[in-house]
Amino acid sequence: MMLITGPLWSGKREFACRVLGCTREELSARAVWDAQELAAGCQDLEALADRLAAHDAVLMTEVGGGVVPADPVQRASREAAGRLACLLAARADCVVRVFCGLPLVLKGECAL
């Protein structure tokens, strides 16, 4: 599994399509995106990470780079997303951060 992370609208889906050799329409069958949203309220992040790791690619938008929310639910959601990212990175063969459409390999070897 390849974990692809980066800010909103940074080119993660386009990169995933290029690397996986598929169209945007075909991507939904091979990858999960916005995985950070699945972490909110999840009681078993390990099990969620195991399920997601079965896909060819998992795309996550980076969260938590700004002001810490005052709302406890939003803080918990950000923490869960960060913990899920760590669990997925540990399971991934390759981790890539995409920024401004440019991929940066953080772990493993990926055919860019």
PDB file of N, CA and C in Angstrom:
ATOM      1  N   MET A   1       0.849  -1.174   0.000  1.00  0.00           N
ATOM      2  CA  MET A   1       0.000   0.000   0.000  1.00  0.00           C
ATOM      3  C   MET A   1       0.891   1.232   0.000  1.00  0.00           C
ATOM      4  N   MET A   2       0.434   2.248  -0.719  1.00  0.00           N
ATOM      5  CA  MET A   2       1.128   3.526  -0.764  1.00  0.00           C
ATOM      6  C   MET A   2       0.279   4.551  -0.024  1.00  0.00           C
ATOM      7  N   LEU A   3       0.884   5.244   0.928  1.00  0.00           N
ATOM      8  CA  LEU A   3       0.216   6.334   1.619  1.00  0.00           C
ATOM      9  C   LEU A   3       0.649   7.626   0.947  1.00  0.00           C
ATOM     10  N   ILE A   4      -0.342   8.403   0.502  1.00  0.00           N
ATOM     11  CA  ILE A   4      -0.086   9.687  -0.143  1.00  0.00           C
ATOM     12  C   ILE A   4      -0.715  10.763   0.717  1.00  0.00           C
ATOM     13  N   THR A   5       0.105  11.700   1.161  1.00  0.00           N
ATOM     14  CA  THR A   5      -0.368  12.752   2.043  1.00  0.00           C
ATOM     15  C   THR A   5       0.026  14.117   1.486  1.00  0.00           C
ATOM     16  N   GLY A   6      -0.585  15.140   2.015  1.00  0.00           N
ATOM     17  CA  GLY A   6      -0.282  16.500   1.593  1.00  0.00           C
ATOM     18  C   GLY A   6      -1.455  17.415   1.883  1.00  0.00           C
ATOM     19  N   PRO A   7      -1.268  18.708   1.658  1.00  0.00           N
ATOM     20  CA  PRO A   7      -2.340  19.676   1.911  1.00  0.00           C
ATOM     21  C   PRO A   7      -3.505  19.493   0.933  1.00  0.00           C
ATOM     22  N   LEU A   8      -4.602  20.167   1.225  1.00  0.00           N
ATOM     23  CA  LEU A   8      -5.754  20.162   0.315  1.00  0.00           C
ATOM     24  C   LEU A   8      -5.329  20.633  -1.067  1.00  0.00           C
ATOM     25  N   TRP A   9      -5.882  20.023  -2.084  1.00  0.00           N
ATOM     26  CA  TRP A   9      -5.698  20.431  -3.479  1.00  0.00           C
ATOM     27  C   TRP A   9      -4.231  20.545  -3.864  1.00  0.00           C
ATOM     28  N   SER A  10      -3.415  19.626  -3.376  1.00  0.00           N
ATOM     29  CA  SER A  10      -1.979  19.673  -3.669  1.00  0.00           C
ATOM     30  C   SER A  10      -1.580  18.759  -4.820  1.00  0.00           C
ATOM     31  N   GLY A  11      -2.539  17.992  -5.363  1.00  0.00           N
ATOM     32  CA  GLY A  11      -2.238  17.108  -6.479  1.00  0.00           C
ATOM     33  C   GLY A  11      -2.144  15.639  -6.100  1.00  0.00           C
ATOM     34  N   LYS A  12      -2.682  15.275  -4.932  1.00  0.00           N
ATOM     35  CA  LYS A  12      -2.586  13.887  -4.461  1.00  0.00           C
ATOM     36  C   LYS A  12      -3.306  12.915  -5.396  1.00  0.00           C
ATOM     37  N   ARG A  13      -4.517  13.240  -5.823  1.00  0.00           N
ATOM     38  CA  ARG A  13      -5.277  12.319  -6.683  1.00  0.00           C
ATOM     39  C   ARG A  13      -4.625  12.195  -8.060  1.00  0.00           C
ATOM     40  N   GLU A  14      -4.158  13.298  -8.607  1.00  0.00           N
ATOM     41  CA  GLU A  14      -3.492  13.241  -9.907  1.00  0.00           C
ATOM     42  C   GLU A  14      -2.229  12.385  -9.810  1.00  0.00           C
ATOM     43  N   PHE A  15      -1.485  12.550  -8.730  1.00  0.00           N
ATOM     44  CA  PHE A  15      -0.285  11.740  -8.527  1.00  0.00           C
ATOM     45  C   PHE A  15      -0.652  10.267  -8.406  1.00  0.00           C
ATOM     46  N   ALA A  16      -1.679   9.950  -7.635  1.00  0.00           N
ATOM     47  CA  ALA A  16      -2.107   8.557  -7.461  1.00  0.00           C
ATOM     48  C   ALA A  16      -2.505   7.945  -8.802  1.00  0.00           C
ATOM     49  N   CYS A  17      -3.229   8.672  -9.617  1.00  0.00           N
ATOM     50  CA  CYS A  17      -3.625   8.165 -10.934  1.00  0.00           C
ATOM     51  C   CYS A  17      -2.399   7.889 -11.795  1.00  0.00           C
ATOM     52  N   ARG A  18      -1.444   8.798 -11.767  1.00  0.00           N
ATOM     53  CA  ARG A  18      -0.236   8.624 -12.580  1.00  0.00           C
ATOM     54  C   ARG A  18       0.550   7.398 -12.127  1.00  0.00           C
ATOM     55  N   VAL A  19       0.741   7.267 -10.818  1.00  0.00           N
ATOM     56  CA  VAL A  19       1.547   6.168 -10.272  1.00  0.00           C
ATOM     57  C   VAL A  19       0.841   4.821 -10.428  1.00  0.00           C
ATOM     58  N   LEU A  20      -0.478   4.810 -10.262  1.00  0.00           N
ATOM     59  CA  LEU A  20      -1.228   3.561 -10.370  1.00  0.00           C
ATOM     60  C   LEU A  20      -1.625   3.244 -11.809  1.00  0.00           C
ATOM     61  N   GLY A  21      -1.436   4.207 -12.705  1.00  0.00           N
ATOM     62  CA  GLY A  21      -1.786   3.987 -14.105  1.00  0.00           C
ATOM     63  C   GLY A  21      -3.269   3.848 -14.325  1.00  0.00           C
ATOM     64  N   CYS A  22      -4.055   4.724 -13.700  1.00  0.00           N
ATOM     65  CA  CYS A  22      -5.509   4.632 -13.838  1.00  0.00           C
ATOM     66  C   CYS A  22      -6.107   6.027 -14.010  1.00  0.00           C
ATOM     67  N   THR A  23      -7.366   6.051 -14.414  1.00  0.00           N
ATOM     68  CA  THR A  23      -8.090   7.311 -14.532  1.00  0.00           C
ATOM     69  C   THR A  23      -8.669   7.688 -13.173  1.00  0.00           C
ATOM     70  N   ARG A  24      -9.177   8.915 -13.075  1.00  0.00           N
ATOM     71  CA  ARG A  24      -9.820   9.337 -11.823  1.00  0.00           C
ATOM     72  C   ARG A  24     -11.027   8.456 -11.511  1.00  0.00           C
ATOM     73  N   GLU A  25     -11.728   8.028 -12.531  1.00  0.00           N
ATOM     74  CA  GLU A  25     -12.897   7.166 -12.325  1.00  0.00           C
ATOM     75  C   GLU A  25     -12.473   5.806 -11.784  1.00  0.00           C
ATOM     76  N   GLU A  26     -11.361   5.278 -12.286  1.00  0.00           N
ATOM     77  CA  GLU A  26     -10.864   3.980 -11.834  1.00  0.00           C
ATOM     78  C   GLU A  26     -10.212   4.055 -10.457  1.00  0.00           C
ATOM     79  N   LEU A  27      -9.787   5.249 -10.076  1.00  0.00           N
ATOM     80  CA  LEU A  27      -9.089   5.414  -8.798  1.00  0.00           C
ATOM     81  C   LEU A  27      -9.950   4.991  -7.612  1.00  0.00           C
ATOM     82  N   SER A  28     -11.243   5.228  -7.690  1.00  0.00           N
ATOM     83  CA  SER A  28     -12.118   4.898  -6.557  1.00  0.00           C
ATOM     84  C   SER A  28     -12.152   3.407  -6.250  1.00  0.00           C
ATOM     85  N   ALA A  29     -11.832   2.569  -7.229  1.00  0.00           N
ATOM     86  CA  ALA A  29     -11.805   1.129  -6.997  1.00  0.00           C
ATOM     87  C   ALA A  29     -10.477   0.672  -6.400  1.00  0.00           C
ATOM     88  N   ARG A  30      -9.445   1.508  -6.492  1.00  0.00           N
ATOM     89  CA  ARG A  30      -8.109   1.095  -6.058  1.00  0.00           C
ATOM     90  C   ARG A  30      -7.584   1.860  -4.856  1.00  0.00           C
ATOM     91  N   ALA A  31      -8.248   2.961  -4.530  1.00  0.00           N
ATOM     92  CA  ALA A  31      -7.716   3.825  -3.470  1.00  0.00           C
ATOM     93  C   ALA A  31      -8.845   4.383  -2.611  1.00  0.00           C
ATOM     94  N   VAL A  32      -8.453   4.849  -1.446  1.00  0.00           N
ATOM     95  CA  VAL A  32      -9.360   5.554  -0.547  1.00  0.00           C
ATOM     96  C   VAL A  32      -8.783   6.941  -0.355  1.00  0.00           C
ATOM     97  N   TRP A  33      -9.604   7.961  -0.508  1.00  0.00           N
ATOM     98  CA  TRP A  33      -9.100   9.299  -0.231  1.00  0.00           C
ATOM     99  C   TRP A  33      -9.917   9.940   0.870  1.00  0.00           C
ATOM    100  N   ASP A  34      -9.384  11.029   1.399  1.00  0.00           N
ATOM    101  CA  ASP A  34      -9.964  11.712   2.564  1.00  0.00           C
ATOM    102  C   ASP A  34     -10.058  10.776   3.761  1.00  0.00           C
ATOM    103  N   ALA A  35      -9.042   9.926   3.910  1.00  0.00           N
ATOM    104  CA  ALA A  35      -9.031   8.955   5.011  1.00  0.00           C
ATOM    105  C   ALA A  35      -9.034   9.637   6.368  1.00  0.00           C
ATOM    106  N   GLN A  36      -8.561  10.880   6.435  1.00  0.00           N
ATOM    107  CA  GLN A  36      -8.556  11.590   7.710  1.00  0.00           C
ATOM    108  C   GLN A  36      -9.971  11.753   8.265  1.00  0.00           C
ATOM    109  N   GLU A  37     -10.956  11.825   7.365  1.00  0.00           N
ATOM    110  CA  GLU A  37     -12.348  11.968   7.812  1.00  0.00           C
ATOM    111  C   GLU A  37     -12.878  10.685   8.446  1.00  0.00           C
ATOM    112  N   LEU A  38     -12.329   9.540   8.057  1.00  0.00           N
ATOM    113  CA  LEU A  38     -12.766   8.261   8.624  1.00  0.00           C
ATOM    114  C   LEU A  38     -12.301   8.084  10.070  1.00  0.00           C
ATOM    115  N   ALA A  39     -11.247   8.826  10.446  1.00  0.00           N
ATOM    116  CA  ALA A  39     -10.692   8.687  11.795  1.00  0.00           C
ATOM    117  C   ALA A  39     -11.578   9.334  12.858  1.00  0.00           C
ATOM    118  N   ALA A  40     -12.312  10.366  12.482  1.00  0.00           N
ATOM    119  CA  ALA A  40     -13.138  11.092  13.450  1.00  0.00           C
ATOM    120  C   ALA A  40     -14.163  10.156  14.080  1.00  0.00           C
ATOM    121  N   GLY A  41     -14.104  10.026  15.370  1.00  0.00           N
ATOM    122  CA  GLY A  41     -15.061   9.204  16.098  1.00  0.00           C
ATOM    123  C   GLY A  41     -14.806   7.707  16.006  1.00  0.00           C
ATOM    124  N   CYS A  42     -13.758   7.293  15.334  1.00  0.00           N
ATOM    125  CA  CYS A  42     -13.449   5.865  15.199  1.00  0.00           C
ATOM    126  C   CYS A  42     -12.940   5.331  16.541  1.00  0.00           C
ATOM    127  N   GLN A  43     -13.508   4.228  16.982  1.00  0.00           N
ATOM    128  CA  GLN A  43     -13.129   3.642  18.263  1.00  0.00           C
ATOM    129  C   GLN A  43     -11.932   2.703  18.152  1.00  0.00           C
ATOM    130  N   ASP A  44     -11.635   2.231  16.937  1.00  0.00           N
ATOM    131  CA  ASP A  44     -10.537   1.274  16.752  1.00  0.00           C
ATOM    132  C   ASP A  44      -9.710   1.678  15.527  1.00  0.00           C
ATOM    133  N   LEU A  45      -8.754   2.583  15.742  1.00  0.00           N
ATOM    134  CA  LEU A  45      -7.931   3.081  14.645  1.00  0.00           C
ATOM    135  C   LEU A  45      -7.048   1.986  14.053  1.00  0.00           C
ATOM    136  N   GLU A  46      -6.613   1.034  14.875  1.00  0.00           N
ATOM    137  CA  GLU A  46      -5.796  -0.087  14.378  1.00  0.00           C
ATOM    138  C   GLU A  46      -6.585  -0.894  13.338  1.00  0.00           C
ATOM    139  N   ALA A  47      -7.827  -1.216  13.645  1.00  0.00           N
ATOM    140  CA  ALA A  47      -8.660  -1.985  12.717  1.00  0.00           C
ATOM    141  C   ALA A  47      -8.941  -1.177  11.451  1.00  0.00           C
ATOM    142  N   LEU A  48      -9.179   0.111  11.609  1.00  0.00           N
ATOM    143  CA  LEU A  48      -9.399   0.978  10.451  1.00  0.00           C
ATOM    144  C   LEU A  48      -8.151   1.008   9.575  1.00  0.00           C
ATOM    145  N   ALA A  49      -6.988   1.140  10.177  1.00  0.00           N
ATOM    146  CA  ALA A  49      -5.733   1.153   9.424  1.00  0.00           C
ATOM    147  C   ALA A  49      -5.538  -0.177   8.686  1.00  0.00           C
ATOM    148  N   ASP A  50      -5.872  -1.280   9.328  1.00  0.00           N
ATOM    149  CA  ASP A  50      -5.761  -2.589   8.677  1.00  0.00           C
ATOM    150  C   ASP A  50      -6.669  -2.668   7.447  1.00  0.00           C
ATOM    151  N   ARG A  51      -7.909  -2.187   7.574  1.00  0.00           N
ATOM    152  CA  ARG A  51      -8.846  -2.209   6.446  1.00  0.00           C
ATOM    153  C   ARG A  51      -8.357  -1.322   5.303  1.00  0.00           C
ATOM    154  N   LEU A  52      -7.883  -0.134   5.640  1.00  0.00           N
ATOM    155  CA  LEU A  52      -7.430   0.797   4.614  1.00  0.00           C
ATOM    156  C   LEU A  52      -6.169   0.300   3.918  1.00  0.00           C
ATOM    157  N   ALA A  53      -5.314  -0.383   4.652  1.00  0.00           N
ATOM    158  CA  ALA A  53      -4.049  -0.871   4.095  1.00  0.00           C
ATOM    159  C   ALA A  53      -4.257  -1.932   3.018  1.00  0.00           C
ATOM    160  N   ALA A  54      -5.459  -2.460   2.892  1.00  0.00           N
ATOM    161  CA  ALA A  54      -5.749  -3.453   1.861  1.00  0.00           C
ATOM    162  C   ALA A  54      -5.881  -2.819   0.472  1.00  0.00           C
ATOM    163  N   HIS A  55      -5.976  -1.505   0.390  1.00  0.00           N
ATOM    164  CA  HIS A  55      -6.083  -0.802  -0.894  1.00  0.00           C
ATOM    165  C   HIS A  55      -4.699  -0.573  -1.492  1.00  0.00           C
ATOM    166  N   ASP A  56      -4.669  -0.269  -2.767  1.00  0.00           N
ATOM    167  CA  ASP A  56      -3.400   0.051  -3.426  1.00  0.00           C
ATOM    168  C   ASP A  56      -2.821   1.361  -2.906  1.00  0.00           C
ATOM    169  N   ALA A  57      -3.709   2.319  -2.613  1.00  0.00           N
ATOM    170  CA  ALA A  57      -3.256   3.630  -2.127  1.00  0.00           C
ATOM    171  C   ALA A  57      -4.271   4.205  -1.162  1.00  0.00           C
ATOM    172  N   VAL A  58      -3.771   4.956  -0.201  1.00  0.00           N
ATOM    173  CA  VAL A  58      -4.609   5.700   0.738  1.00  0.00           C
ATOM    174  C   VAL A  58      -4.147   7.150   0.685  1.00  0.00           C
ATOM    175  N   LEU A  59      -5.092   8.060   0.483  1.00  0.00           N
ATOM    176  CA  LEU A  59      -4.784   9.476   0.401  1.00  0.00           C
ATOM    177  C   LEU A  59      -5.331  10.175   1.632  1.00  0.00           C
ATOM    178  N   MET A  60      -4.494  10.975   2.274  1.00  0.00           N
ATOM    179  CA  MET A  60      -4.899  11.713   3.474  1.00  0.00           C
ATOM    180  C   MET A  60      -4.485  13.162   3.338  1.00  0.00           C
ATOM    181  N   THR A  61      -5.388  14.051   3.675  1.00  0.00           N
ATOM    182  CA  THR A  61      -5.047  15.461   3.743  1.00  0.00           C
ATOM    183  C   THR A  61      -4.421  15.727   5.101  1.00  0.00           C
ATOM    184  N   GLU A  62      -3.318  16.458   5.090  1.00  0.00           N
ATOM    185  CA  GLU A  62      -2.647  16.794   6.354  1.00  0.00           C
ATOM    186  C   GLU A  62      -3.547  17.714   7.165  1.00  0.00           C
ATOM    187  N   VAL A  63      -3.651  17.430   8.441  1.00  0.00           N
ATOM    188  CA  VAL A  63      -4.452  18.252   9.339  1.00  0.00           C
ATOM    189  C   VAL A  63      -3.594  18.681  10.517  1.00  0.00           C
ATOM    190  N   GLY A  64      -4.001  19.739  11.169  1.00  0.00           N
ATOM    191  CA  GLY A  64      -3.329  20.131  12.398  1.00  0.00           C
ATOM    192  C   GLY A  64      -2.179  21.094  12.227  1.00  0.00           C
ATOM    193  N   GLY A  65      -2.023  21.676  11.052  1.00  0.00           N
ATOM    194  CA  GLY A  65      -0.919  22.588  10.832  1.00  0.00           C
ATOM    195  C   GLY A  65      -1.210  24.008  11.277  1.00  0.00           C
ATOM    196  N   GLY A  66      -2.383  24.241  11.804  1.00  0.00           N
ATOM    197  CA  GLY A  66      -2.767  25.600  12.174  1.00  0.00           C
ATOM    198  C   GLY A  66      -3.067  25.715  13.652  1.00  0.00           C
ATOM    199  N   VAL A  67      -3.979  26.593  13.969  1.00  0.00           N
ATOM    200  CA  VAL A  67      -4.386  26.856  15.344  1.00  0.00           C
ATOM    201  C   VAL A  67      -5.125  25.642  15.896  1.00  0.00           C
ATOM    202  N   VAL A  68      -4.832  25.282  17.123  1.00  0.00           N
ATOM    203  CA  VAL A  68      -5.519  24.171  17.780  1.00  0.00           C
ATOM    204  C   VAL A  68      -6.960  24.602  18.066  1.00  0.00           C
ATOM    205  N   PRO A  69      -7.934  23.810  17.615  1.00  0.00           N
ATOM    206  CA  PRO A  69      -9.334  24.193  17.826  1.00  0.00           C
ATOM    207  C   PRO A  69      -9.696  24.233  19.317  1.00  0.00           C
ATOM    208  N   ALA A  70     -10.543  25.173  19.673  1.00  0.00           N
ATOM    209  CA  ALA A  70     -11.030  25.269  21.056  1.00  0.00           C
ATOM    210  C   ALA A  70     -12.034  24.162  21.350  1.00  0.00           C
ATOM    211  N   ASP A  71     -12.736  23.714  20.321  1.00  0.00           N
ATOM    212  CA  ASP A  71     -13.754  22.687  20.478  1.00  0.00           C
ATOM    213  C   ASP A  71     -13.100  21.324  20.731  1.00  0.00           C
ATOM    214  N   PRO A  72     -13.464  20.647  21.830  1.00  0.00           N
ATOM    215  CA  PRO A  72     -12.853  19.353  22.148  1.00  0.00           C
ATOM    216  C   PRO A  72     -13.106  18.276  21.101  1.00  0.00           C
ATOM    217  N   VAL A  73     -14.252  18.299  20.436  1.00  0.00           N
ATOM    218  CA  VAL A  73     -14.559  17.305  19.412  1.00  0.00           C
ATOM    219  C   VAL A  73     -13.632  17.494  18.210  1.00  0.00           C
ATOM    220  N   GLN A  74     -13.415  18.737  17.810  1.00  0.00           N
ATOM    221  CA  GLN A  74     -12.514  19.014  16.686  1.00  0.00           C
ATOM    222  C   GLN A  74     -11.071  18.651  17.038  1.00  0.00           C
ATOM    223  N   ARG A  75     -10.671  18.918  18.269  1.00  0.00           N
ATOM    224  CA  ARG A  75      -9.311  18.531  18.702  1.00  0.00           C
ATOM    225  C   ARG A  75      -9.144  17.020  18.652  1.00  0.00           C
ATOM    226  N   ALA A  76     -10.136  16.292  19.141  1.00  0.00           N
ATOM    227  CA  ALA A  76     -10.085  14.829  19.138  1.00  0.00           C
ATOM    228  C   ALA A  76     -10.055  14.292  17.708  1.00  0.00           C
ATOM    229  N   SER A  77     -10.789  14.926  16.810  1.00  0.00           N
ATOM    230  CA  SER A  77     -10.808  14.513  15.414  1.00  0.00           C
ATOM    231  C   SER A  77      -9.435  14.690  14.775  1.00  0.00           C
ATOM    232  N   ARG A  78      -8.778  15.805  15.050  1.00  0.00           N
ATOM    233  CA  ARG A  78      -7.425  16.049  14.524  1.00  0.00           C
ATOM    234  C   ARG A  78      -6.429  15.051  15.097  1.00  0.00           C
ATOM    235  N   GLU A  79      -6.556  14.785  16.376  1.00  0.00           N
ATOM    236  CA  GLU A  79      -5.639  13.821  16.995  1.00  0.00           C
ATOM    237  C   GLU A  79      -5.830  12.432  16.382  1.00  0.00           C
ATOM    238  N   ALA A  80      -7.081  12.033  16.184  1.00  0.00           N
ATOM    239  CA  ALA A  80      -7.353  10.724  15.590  1.00  0.00           C
ATOM    240  C   ALA A  80      -6.790  10.649  14.166  1.00  0.00           C
ATOM    241  N   ALA A  81      -6.917  11.723  13.401  1.00  0.00           N
ATOM    242  CA  ALA A  81      -6.381  11.740  12.037  1.00  0.00           C
ATOM    243  C   ALA A  81      -4.858  11.604  12.052  1.00  0.00           C
ATOM    244  N   GLY A  82      -4.216  12.284  12.972  1.00  0.00           N
ATOM    245  CA  GLY A  82      -2.765  12.181  13.083  1.00  0.00           C
ATOM    246  C   GLY A  82      -2.323  10.789  13.487  1.00  0.00           C
ATOM    247  N   ARG A  83      -3.031  10.190  14.418  1.00  0.00           N
ATOM    248  CA  ARG A  83      -2.697   8.827  14.850  1.00  0.00           C
ATOM    249  C   ARG A  83      -2.931   7.819  13.717  1.00  0.00           C
ATOM    250  N   LEU A  84      -4.016   8.010  12.960  1.00  0.00           N
ATOM    251  CA  LEU A  84      -4.279   7.127  11.828  1.00  0.00           C
ATOM    252  C   LEU A  84      -3.170   7.268  10.782  1.00  0.00           C
ATOM    253  N   ALA A  85      -2.720   8.476  10.530  1.00  0.00           N
ATOM    254  CA  ALA A  85      -1.629   8.685   9.571  1.00  0.00           C
ATOM    255  C   ALA A  85      -0.377   7.921  10.002  1.00  0.00           C
ATOM    256  N   CYS A  86      -0.071   7.949  11.287  1.00  0.00           N
ATOM    257  CA  CYS A  86       1.099   7.212  11.799  1.00  0.00           C
ATOM    258  C   CYS A  86       0.924   5.712  11.619  1.00  0.00           C
ATOM    259  N   LEU A  87      -0.267   5.204  11.896  1.00  0.00           N
ATOM    260  CA  LEU A  87      -0.535   3.769  11.741  1.00  0.00           C
ATOM    261  C   LEU A  87      -0.441   3.348  10.277  1.00  0.00           C
ATOM    262  N   LEU A  88      -0.963   4.179   9.385  1.00  0.00           N
ATOM    263  CA  LEU A  88      -0.899   3.861   7.964  1.00  0.00           C
ATOM    264  C   LEU A  88       0.526   3.938   7.439  1.00  0.00           C
ATOM    265  N   ALA A  89       1.283   4.929   7.896  1.00  0.00           N
ATOM    266  CA  ALA A  89       2.676   5.059   7.456  1.00  0.00           C
ATOM    267  C   ALA A  89       3.485   3.841   7.881  1.00  0.00           C
ATOM    268  N   ALA A  90       3.197   3.316   9.053  1.00  0.00           N
ATOM    269  CA  ALA A  90       3.909   2.120   9.518  1.00  0.00           C
ATOM    270  C   ALA A  90       3.575   0.900   8.658  1.00  0.00           C
ATOM    271  N   ARG A  91       2.365   0.828   8.123  1.00  0.00           N
ATOM    272  CA  ARG A  91       1.937  -0.308   7.310  1.00  0.00           C
ATOM    273  C   ARG A  91       2.326  -0.157   5.836  1.00  0.00           C
ATOM    274  N   ALA A  92       2.569   1.065   5.412  1.00  0.00           N
ATOM    275  CA  ALA A  92       2.794   1.359   3.996  1.00  0.00           C
ATOM    276  C   ALA A  92       4.160   0.896   3.515  1.00  0.00           C
ATOM    277  N   ASP A  93       4.189   0.437   2.265  1.00  0.00           N
ATOM    278  CA  ASP A  93       5.454   0.130   1.610  1.00  0.00           C
ATOM    279  C   ASP A  93       6.143   1.421   1.185  1.00  0.00           C
ATOM    280  N   CYS A  94       5.322   2.414   0.857  1.00  0.00           N
ATOM    281  CA  CYS A  94       5.834   3.687   0.367  1.00  0.00           C
ATOM    282  C   CYS A  94       4.956   4.810   0.915  1.00  0.00           C
ATOM    283  N   VAL A  95       5.584   5.879   1.382  1.00  0.00           N
ATOM    284  CA  VAL A  95       4.862   7.072   1.841  1.00  0.00           C
ATOM    285  C   VAL A  95       5.367   8.247   1.014  1.00  0.00           C
ATOM    286  N   VAL A  96       4.423   8.977   0.411  1.00  0.00           N
ATOM    287  CA  VAL A  96       4.762  10.116  -0.434  1.00  0.00           C
ATOM    288  C   VAL A  96       3.976  11.330   0.031  1.00  0.00           C
ATOM    289  N   ARG A  97       4.676  12.461   0.160  1.00  0.00           N
ATOM    290  CA  ARG A  97       4.011  13.736   0.439  1.00  0.00           C
ATOM    291  C   ARG A  97       3.989  14.508  -0.869  1.00  0.00           C
ATOM    292  N   VAL A  98       2.799  14.959  -1.261  1.00  0.00           N
ATOM    293  CA  VAL A  98       2.657  15.751  -2.481  1.00  0.00           C
ATOM    294  C   VAL A  98       2.374  17.184  -2.069  1.00  0.00           C
ATOM    295  N   PHE A  99       3.180  18.087  -2.598  1.00  0.00           N
ATOM    296  CA  PHE A  99       3.031  19.513  -2.296  1.00  0.00           C
ATOM    297  C   PHE A  99       3.216  20.273  -3.596  1.00  0.00           C
ATOM    298  N   CYS A 100       2.241  21.096  -3.951  1.00  0.00           N
ATOM    299  CA  CYS A 100       2.283  21.849  -5.214  1.00  0.00           C
ATOM    300  C   CYS A 100       2.460  20.919  -6.411  1.00  0.00           C
ATOM    301  N   GLY A 101       1.879  19.723  -6.333  1.00  0.00           N
ATOM    302  CA  GLY A 101       1.973  18.765  -7.417  1.00  0.00           C
ATOM    303  C   GLY A 101       3.285  18.008  -7.477  1.00  0.00           C
ATOM    304  N   LEU A 102       4.201  18.291  -6.545  1.00  0.00           N
ATOM    305  CA  LEU A 102       5.509  17.649  -6.547  1.00  0.00           C
ATOM    306  C   LEU A 102       5.567  16.568  -5.480  1.00  0.00           C
ATOM    307  N   PRO A 103       5.904  15.329  -5.862  1.00  0.00           N
ATOM    308  CA  PRO A 103       5.982  14.246  -4.882  1.00  0.00           C
ATOM    309  C   PRO A 103       7.340  14.217  -4.179  1.00  0.00           C
ATOM    310  N   LEU A 104       7.307  13.960  -2.892  1.00  0.00           N
ATOM    311  CA  LEU A 104       8.516  13.772  -2.099  1.00  0.00           C
ATOM    312  C   LEU A 104       8.367  12.443  -1.372  1.00  0.00           C
ATOM    313  N   VAL A 105       9.232  11.487  -1.693  1.00  0.00           N
ATOM    314  CA  VAL A 105       9.158  10.159  -1.073  1.00  0.00           C
ATOM    315  C   VAL A 105       9.716  10.254   0.345  1.00  0.00           C
ATOM    316  N   LEU A 106       8.900   9.874   1.328  1.00  0.00           N
ATOM    317  CA  LEU A 106       9.295   9.900   2.734  1.00  0.00           C
ATOM    318  C   LEU A 106       9.728   8.530   3.232  1.00  0.00           C
ATOM    319  N   LYS A 107       9.209   7.474   2.589  1.00  0.00           N
ATOM    320  CA  LYS A 107       9.518   6.108   3.016  1.00  0.00           C
ATOM    321  C   LYS A 107       9.454   5.188   1.815  1.00  0.00           C
ATOM    322  N   GLY A 108      10.372   4.252   1.738  1.00  0.00           N
ATOM    323  CA  GLY A 108      10.350   3.248   0.683  1.00  0.00           C
ATOM    324  C   GLY A 108      10.807   3.792  -0.652  1.00  0.00           C
ATOM    325  N   GLU A 109      10.550   3.000  -1.676  1.00  0.00           N
ATOM    326  CA  GLU A 109      10.879   3.383  -3.050  1.00  0.00           C
ATOM    327  C   GLU A 109       9.609   3.340  -3.879  1.00  0.00           C
ATOM    328  N   CYS A 110       9.355   4.398  -4.579  1.00  0.00           N
ATOM    329  CA  CYS A 110       8.158   4.491  -5.404  1.00  0.00           C
ATOM    330  C   CYS A 110       8.571   4.866  -6.810  1.00  0.00           C
ATOM    331  N   ALA A 111       7.958   4.242  -7.779  1.00  0.00           N
ATOM    332  CA  ALA A 111       8.204   4.603  -9.182  1.00  0.00           C
ATOM    333  C   ALA A 111       7.458   5.888  -9.471  1.00  0.00           C
ATOM    334  N   LEU A 112       8.172   6.988  -9.460  1.00  0.00           N
ATOM    335  CA  LEU A 112       7.548   8.283  -9.699  1.00  0.00           C
ATOM    336  C   LEU A 112       7.527   8.583 -11.183  1.00  0.00           C
TER     337      LEU A 112
END
